[in-house]
Amino acid sequence: MAETNLYNHQADYYVPDPVDLYNKGSQVIINSDRLVFNAKTDSVLVYSDKAIGFSTKGGIFFDTGTNDGESKNPSRFIVNSPQIYLGLQSGLNDGKLPTDRAVLGTELRYWLAKLLGIIDDILDDLEDSFTVTCSSPGTPSVPNPGNSAMIKLRKMQTSFLRMDLAVDDLDQLEDPEKCRFLSKRIKIV
């Protein structure tokens, strides 16, 4: 009995007892060389209070039909959950869920496009507008005080990018919840 509890509580998510160790109530075991469940005109629905487990020595396949453009219900594969984990850091029994967040591709592309725009603006500023002065010939040159407004604008733009990225002024990562393009729901290995 203690081994069963250890098995369940070792992970930071619910892991059902193995079939041969389950002793909390009745269970139905169907054992055959092959099982086929077929709903000819509607749906197959499976419900569970705690977990639904699929295990195989081979692959698991989810196939949908093709989108023919005429269907009222086009083919989709939808996973709807407040938290989605893809993979385990160790193994099923170790219970190490992934912590790295998936990237929201469109948001990341938008952010990178803004970054490239700012870099282009900086290069244009350096080529067209940045000037230096010197007090007399042969003395070191210094940036012209007139450059200040242009430089402040670019620093303000990069500070907004840092906020979107959730990076502080010392280039330290802040709370990933604050990052604009990290998924709040999906974590991967």
C-alpha atoms as a PDB file:
ATOM      1  CA  MET A   1       0.000   0.000   0.000  1.00  0.00           C
ATOM      2  CA  ALA A   2       2.798   2.472   0.835  1.00  0.00           C
ATOM      3  CA  GLU A   3       4.382   1.820  -2.556  1.00  0.00           C
ATOM      4  CA  THR A   4       1.148   2.871  -4.298  1.00  0.00           C
ATOM      5  CA  ASN A   5       0.999   6.165  -2.377  1.00  0.00           C
ATOM      6  CA  LEU A   6       4.670   6.888  -3.090  1.00  0.00           C
ATOM      7  CA  TYR A   7       4.050   6.252  -6.774  1.00  0.00           C
ATOM      8  CA  ASN A   8       1.149   8.738  -6.841  1.00  0.00           C
ATOM      9  CA  HIS A   9       2.723  11.488  -4.741  1.00  0.00           C
ATOM     10  CA  GLN A  10       6.169  11.428  -6.304  1.00  0.00           C
ATOM     11  CA  ALA A  11       4.912  13.413  -9.303  1.00  0.00           C
ATOM     12  CA  ASP A  12       3.624  16.988  -9.097  1.00  0.00           C
ATOM     13  CA  TYR A  13       0.532  15.913 -11.008  1.00  0.00           C
ATOM     14  CA  TYR A  14      -1.986  13.081 -10.552  1.00  0.00           C
ATOM     15  CA  VAL A  15      -0.733   9.682 -11.701  1.00  0.00           C
ATOM     16  CA  PRO A  16      -3.300   6.839 -11.553  1.00  0.00           C
ATOM     17  CA  ASP A  17      -2.438   3.638  -9.709  1.00  0.00           C
ATOM     18  CA  PRO A  18      -1.300   0.835 -12.022  1.00  0.00           C
ATOM     19  CA  VAL A  19      -4.026  -1.709 -12.848  1.00  0.00           C
ATOM     20  CA  ASP A  20      -2.492  -4.401 -10.636  1.00  0.00           C
ATOM     21  CA  LEU A  21      -2.191  -2.071  -7.610  1.00  0.00           C
ATOM     22  CA  TYR A  22      -5.602  -0.378  -7.750  1.00  0.00           C
ATOM     23  CA  ASN A  23      -7.664  -1.171  -4.641  1.00  0.00           C
ATOM     24  CA  LYS A  24      -9.940   1.863  -4.133  1.00  0.00           C
ATOM     25  CA  GLY A  25     -13.064   0.356  -5.700  1.00  0.00           C
ATOM     26  CA  SER A  26     -14.212  -1.710  -8.635  1.00  0.00           C
ATOM     27  CA  GLN A  27     -12.542  -1.599 -12.038  1.00  0.00           C
ATOM     28  CA  VAL A  28     -13.409  -3.100 -15.418  1.00  0.00           C
ATOM     29  CA  ILE A  29     -10.648  -4.784 -17.362  1.00  0.00           C
ATOM     30  CA  ILE A  30     -11.187  -5.621 -21.031  1.00  0.00           C
ATOM     31  CA  ASN A  31      -8.364  -7.703 -22.409  1.00  0.00           C
ATOM     32  CA  SER A  32      -8.284  -8.759 -26.044  1.00  0.00           C
ATOM     33  CA  ASP A  33      -5.970  -8.981 -29.029  1.00  0.00           C
ATOM     34  CA  ARG A  34      -7.734  -5.960 -30.557  1.00  0.00           C
ATOM     35  CA  LEU A  35     -10.459  -3.497 -29.516  1.00  0.00           C
ATOM     36  CA  VAL A  36     -12.470  -1.303 -31.878  1.00  0.00           C
ATOM     37  CA  PHE A  37     -14.908   1.377 -30.755  1.00  0.00           C
ATOM     38  CA  ASN A  38     -16.880   2.887 -33.633  1.00  0.00           C
ATOM     39  CA  ALA A  39     -19.578   5.561 -33.482  1.00  0.00           C
ATOM     40  CA  LYS A  40     -21.236   5.350 -36.890  1.00  0.00           C
ATOM     41  CA  THR A  41     -23.148   8.629 -36.920  1.00  0.00           C
ATOM     42  CA  ASP A  42     -22.060  10.761 -33.967  1.00  0.00           C
ATOM     43  CA  SER A  43     -19.284  10.810 -31.357  1.00  0.00           C
ATOM     44  CA  VAL A  44     -17.189   8.760 -28.962  1.00  0.00           C
ATOM     45  CA  LEU A  45     -17.084  10.442 -25.556  1.00  0.00           C
ATOM     46  CA  VAL A  46     -14.809   9.450 -22.675  1.00  0.00           C
ATOM     47  CA  TYR A  47     -15.147  11.020 -19.235  1.00  0.00           C
ATOM     48  CA  SER A  48     -13.112  10.615 -16.083  1.00  0.00           C
ATOM     49  CA  ASP A  49     -12.989  12.258 -12.664  1.00  0.00           C
ATOM     50  CA  LYS A  50      -9.182  12.440 -12.393  1.00  0.00           C
ATOM     51  CA  ALA A  51      -7.250  11.296 -15.446  1.00  0.00           C
ATOM     52  CA  ILE A  52      -7.404   9.485 -18.776  1.00  0.00           C
ATOM     53  CA  GLY A  53      -4.238   7.604 -19.611  1.00  0.00           C
ATOM     54  CA  PHE A  54      -3.068   6.240 -22.932  1.00  0.00           C
ATOM     55  CA  SER A  55      -0.023   4.006 -22.970  1.00  0.00           C
ATOM     56  CA  THR A  56       1.528   2.036 -25.798  1.00  0.00           C
ATOM     57  CA  LYS A  57       4.820   0.456 -26.793  1.00  0.00           C
ATOM     58  CA  GLY A  58       4.312   2.088 -30.194  1.00  0.00           C
ATOM     59  CA  GLY A  59       2.840   5.370 -31.459  1.00  0.00           C
ATOM     60  CA  ILE A  60      -0.348   7.246 -30.645  1.00  0.00           C
ATOM     61  CA  PHE A  61      -2.110   8.749 -33.645  1.00  0.00           C
ATOM     62  CA  PHE A  62      -4.824  11.395 -33.809  1.00  0.00           C
ATOM     63  CA  ASP A  63      -6.154  11.703 -37.342  1.00  0.00           C
ATOM     64  CA  THR A  64      -8.808  14.096 -38.591  1.00  0.00           C
ATOM     65  CA  GLY A  65     -10.426  14.340 -41.992  1.00  0.00           C
ATOM     66  CA  THR A  66      -9.362  16.824 -44.635  1.00  0.00           C
ATOM     67  CA  ASN A  67     -10.858  20.282 -44.997  1.00  0.00           C
ATOM     68  CA  ASP A  68     -12.870  20.145 -48.194  1.00  0.00           C
ATOM     69  CA  GLY A  69     -14.276  23.663 -47.812  1.00  0.00           C
ATOM     70  CA  GLU A  70     -17.868  22.403 -47.700  1.00  0.00           C
ATOM     71  CA  SER A  71     -18.022  20.931 -44.212  1.00  0.00           C
ATOM     72  CA  LYS A  72     -19.930  22.771 -41.483  1.00  0.00           C
ATOM     73  CA  ASN A  73     -17.443  21.319 -39.008  1.00  0.00           C
ATOM     74  CA  PRO A  74     -13.934  21.551 -40.531  1.00  0.00           C
ATOM     75  CA  SER A  75     -11.196  19.208 -39.329  1.00  0.00           C
ATOM     76  CA  ARG A  76      -9.268  20.453 -36.316  1.00  0.00           C
ATOM     77  CA  PHE A  77      -7.250  19.078 -33.430  1.00  0.00           C
ATOM     78  CA  ILE A  78      -8.085  21.149 -30.363  1.00  0.00           C
ATOM     79  CA  VAL A  79      -6.477  20.886 -26.929  1.00  0.00           C
ATOM     80  CA  ASN A  80      -8.245  23.132 -24.443  1.00  0.00           C
ATOM     81  CA  SER A  81      -6.721  23.299 -20.982  1.00  0.00           C
ATOM     82  CA  PRO A  82      -5.557  26.041 -18.612  1.00  0.00           C
ATOM     83  CA  GLN A  83      -2.085  24.426 -18.574  1.00  0.00           C
ATOM     84  CA  ILE A  84      -0.567  22.319 -21.368  1.00  0.00           C
ATOM     85  CA  TYR A  85       2.716  20.443 -20.851  1.00  0.00           C
ATOM     86  CA  LEU A  86       4.540  18.858 -23.775  1.00  0.00           C
ATOM     87  CA  GLY A  87       7.012  16.252 -22.563  1.00  0.00           C
ATOM     88  CA  LEU A  88       8.464  15.539 -19.122  1.00  0.00           C
ATOM     89  CA  GLN A  89      11.897  16.682 -18.000  1.00  0.00           C
ATOM     90  CA  SER A  90      12.719  13.295 -16.477  1.00  0.00           C
ATOM     91  CA  GLY A  91      10.201  10.490 -16.669  1.00  0.00           C
ATOM     92  CA  LEU A  92       6.593   9.773 -15.748  1.00  0.00           C
ATOM     93  CA  ASN A  93       7.455   8.534 -12.274  1.00  0.00           C
ATOM     94  CA  ASP A  94       9.833  11.428 -11.490  1.00  0.00           C
ATOM     95  CA  GLY A  95       7.091  13.998 -12.026  1.00  0.00           C
ATOM     96  CA  LYS A  96       9.266  16.769 -13.448  1.00  0.00           C
ATOM     97  CA  LEU A  97       6.974  18.898 -15.566  1.00  0.00           C
ATOM     98  CA  PRO A  98       8.574  21.212 -18.125  1.00  0.00           C
ATOM     99  CA  THR A  99       8.971  24.842 -17.108  1.00  0.00           C
ATOM    100  CA  ASP A 100      10.157  26.452 -20.357  1.00  0.00           C
ATOM    101  CA  ARG A 101       7.347  28.353 -22.042  1.00  0.00           C
ATOM    102  CA  ALA A 102       6.308  27.943 -25.647  1.00  0.00           C
ATOM    103  CA  VAL A 103       6.738  31.010 -27.863  1.00  0.00           C
ATOM    104  CA  LEU A 104       3.775  32.752 -29.445  1.00  0.00           C
ATOM    105  CA  GLY A 105       5.113  32.985 -32.984  1.00  0.00           C
ATOM    106  CA  THR A 106       3.055  35.930 -34.259  1.00  0.00           C
ATOM    107  CA  GLU A 107       3.814  38.000 -31.164  1.00  0.00           C
ATOM    108  CA  LEU A 108       7.525  37.172 -31.432  1.00  0.00           C
ATOM    109  CA  ARG A 109       7.569  38.129 -35.115  1.00  0.00           C
ATOM    110  CA  TYR A 110       5.879  41.437 -34.292  1.00  0.00           C
ATOM    111  CA  TRP A 111       8.428  42.161 -31.541  1.00  0.00           C
ATOM    112  CA  LEU A 112      11.394  41.237 -33.755  1.00  0.00           C
ATOM    113  CA  ALA A 113      10.020  43.430 -36.554  1.00  0.00           C
ATOM    114  CA  LYS A 114       9.899  46.371 -34.106  1.00  0.00           C
ATOM    115  CA  LEU A 115      13.470  45.605 -33.025  1.00  0.00           C
ATOM    116  CA  LEU A 116      14.688  45.549 -36.632  1.00  0.00           C
ATOM    117  CA  GLY A 117      12.886  48.841 -37.277  1.00  0.00           C
ATOM    118  CA  ILE A 118      14.637  50.475 -34.341  1.00  0.00           C
ATOM    119  CA  ILE A 119      18.015  49.107 -35.452  1.00  0.00           C
ATOM    120  CA  ASP A 120      17.388  50.521 -38.944  1.00  0.00           C
ATOM    121  CA  ASP A 121      16.456  53.890 -37.392  1.00  0.00           C
ATOM    122  CA  ILE A 122      19.647  53.905 -35.310  1.00  0.00           C
ATOM    123  CA  LEU A 123      21.745  53.155 -38.383  1.00  0.00           C
ATOM    124  CA  ASP A 124      19.956  55.905 -40.335  1.00  0.00           C
ATOM    125  CA  ASP A 125      20.582  58.293 -37.450  1.00  0.00           C
ATOM    126  CA  LEU A 126      24.269  57.409 -37.390  1.00  0.00           C
ATOM    127  CA  GLU A 127      24.569  57.828 -41.141  1.00  0.00           C
ATOM    128  CA  ASP A 128      22.462  60.957 -41.617  1.00  0.00           C
ATOM    129  CA  SER A 129      22.087  62.852 -38.352  1.00  0.00           C
ATOM    130  CA  PHE A 130      24.787  62.031 -35.809  1.00  0.00           C
ATOM    131  CA  THR A 131      27.432  64.736 -35.610  1.00  0.00           C
ATOM    132  CA  VAL A 132      30.553  65.382 -33.585  1.00  0.00           C
ATOM    133  CA  THR A 133      32.215  68.597 -32.560  1.00  0.00           C
ATOM    134  CA  CYS A 134      35.639  69.636 -31.426  1.00  0.00           C
ATOM    135  CA  SER A 135      36.739  72.804 -29.714  1.00  0.00           C
ATOM    136  CA  SER A 136      39.724  73.344 -31.983  1.00  0.00           C
ATOM    137  CA  PRO A 137      41.556  71.482 -34.727  1.00  0.00           C
ATOM    138  CA  GLY A 138      43.586  68.564 -33.422  1.00  0.00           C
ATOM    139  CA  THR A 139      41.587  68.107 -30.196  1.00  0.00           C
ATOM    140  CA  PRO A 140      39.411  65.056 -29.533  1.00  0.00           C
ATOM    141  CA  SER A 141      35.963  65.048 -31.058  1.00  0.00           C
ATOM    142  CA  VAL A 142      32.904  64.679 -28.852  1.00  0.00           C
ATOM    143  CA  PRO A 143      29.257  64.006 -29.700  1.00  0.00           C
ATOM    144  CA  ASN A 144      27.323  67.128 -30.532  1.00  0.00           C
ATOM    145  CA  PRO A 145      24.842  68.048 -27.764  1.00  0.00           C
ATOM    146  CA  GLY A 146      22.234  68.289 -30.548  1.00  0.00           C
ATOM    147  CA  ASN A 147      22.328  64.436 -30.782  1.00  0.00           C
ATOM    148  CA  SER A 148      20.717  64.153 -27.340  1.00  0.00           C
ATOM    149  CA  ALA A 149      17.067  64.189 -28.478  1.00  0.00           C
ATOM    150  CA  MET A 150      17.690  61.495 -31.120  1.00  0.00           C
ATOM    151  CA  ILE A 151      19.528  59.253 -28.627  1.00  0.00           C
ATOM    152  CA  LYS A 152      16.813  59.699 -25.956  1.00  0.00           C
ATOM    153  CA  LEU A 153      14.148  58.652 -28.487  1.00  0.00           C
ATOM    154  CA  ARG A 154      16.038  55.446 -29.373  1.00  0.00           C
ATOM    155  CA  LYS A 155      16.623  54.642 -25.682  1.00  0.00           C
ATOM    156  CA  MET A 156      12.915  55.102 -24.988  1.00  0.00           C
ATOM    157  CA  GLN A 157      12.062  52.746 -27.881  1.00  0.00           C
ATOM    158  CA  THR A 158      14.471  50.083 -26.612  1.00  0.00           C
ATOM    159  CA  SER A 159      13.096  50.436 -23.067  1.00  0.00           C
ATOM    160  CA  PHE A 160       9.628  49.561 -24.432  1.00  0.00           C
ATOM    161  CA  LEU A 161      11.131  46.521 -26.154  1.00  0.00           C
ATOM    162  CA  ARG A 162      12.754  45.504 -22.849  1.00  0.00           C
ATOM    163  CA  MET A 163       9.364  45.712 -21.134  1.00  0.00           C
ATOM    164  CA  ASP A 164       7.781  43.484 -23.827  1.00  0.00           C
ATOM    165  CA  LEU A 165      10.659  41.038 -23.385  1.00  0.00           C
ATOM    166  CA  ALA A 166      10.541  41.239 -19.541  1.00  0.00           C
ATOM    167  CA  VAL A 167      14.221  42.164 -19.250  1.00  0.00           C
ATOM    168  CA  ASP A 168      15.441  44.773 -16.783  1.00  0.00           C
ATOM    169  CA  ASP A 169      18.033  47.495 -17.400  1.00  0.00           C
ATOM    170  CA  LEU A 170      20.794  45.097 -16.292  1.00  0.00           C
ATOM    171  CA  ASP A 171      19.721  42.514 -18.910  1.00  0.00           C
ATOM    172  CA  GLN A 172      18.299  40.189 -16.238  1.00  0.00           C
ATOM    173  CA  LEU A 173      15.188  38.173 -17.086  1.00  0.00           C
ATOM    174  CA  GLU A 174      12.121  39.141 -15.071  1.00  0.00           C
ATOM    175  CA  ASP A 175       8.899  37.209 -14.455  1.00  0.00           C
ATOM    176  CA  PRO A 176       8.018  35.268 -17.645  1.00  0.00           C
ATOM    177  CA  GLU A 177       4.354  36.215 -17.091  1.00  0.00           C
ATOM    178  CA  LYS A 178       5.352  39.738 -18.134  1.00  0.00           C
ATOM    179  CA  CYS A 179       6.916  38.663 -21.446  1.00  0.00           C
ATOM    180  CA  ARG A 180       4.675  39.579 -24.347  1.00  0.00           C
ATOM    181  CA  PHE A 181       5.360  36.535 -26.514  1.00  0.00           C
ATOM    182  CA  LEU A 182       5.716  33.676 -24.042  1.00  0.00           C
ATOM    183  CA  SER A 183       2.678  31.452 -23.718  1.00  0.00           C
ATOM    184  CA  LYS A 184       0.858  31.679 -20.412  1.00  0.00           C
ATOM    185  CA  ARG A 185      -0.521  28.151 -20.873  1.00  0.00           C
ATOM    186  CA  ILE A 186       1.931  25.944 -22.766  1.00  0.00           C
ATOM    187  CA  LYS A 187       5.199  24.688 -21.292  1.00  0.00           C
ATOM    188  CA  ILE A 188       7.657  22.491 -23.185  1.00  0.00           C
ATOM    189  CA  VAL A 189      10.880  20.571 -22.590  1.00  0.00           C
END
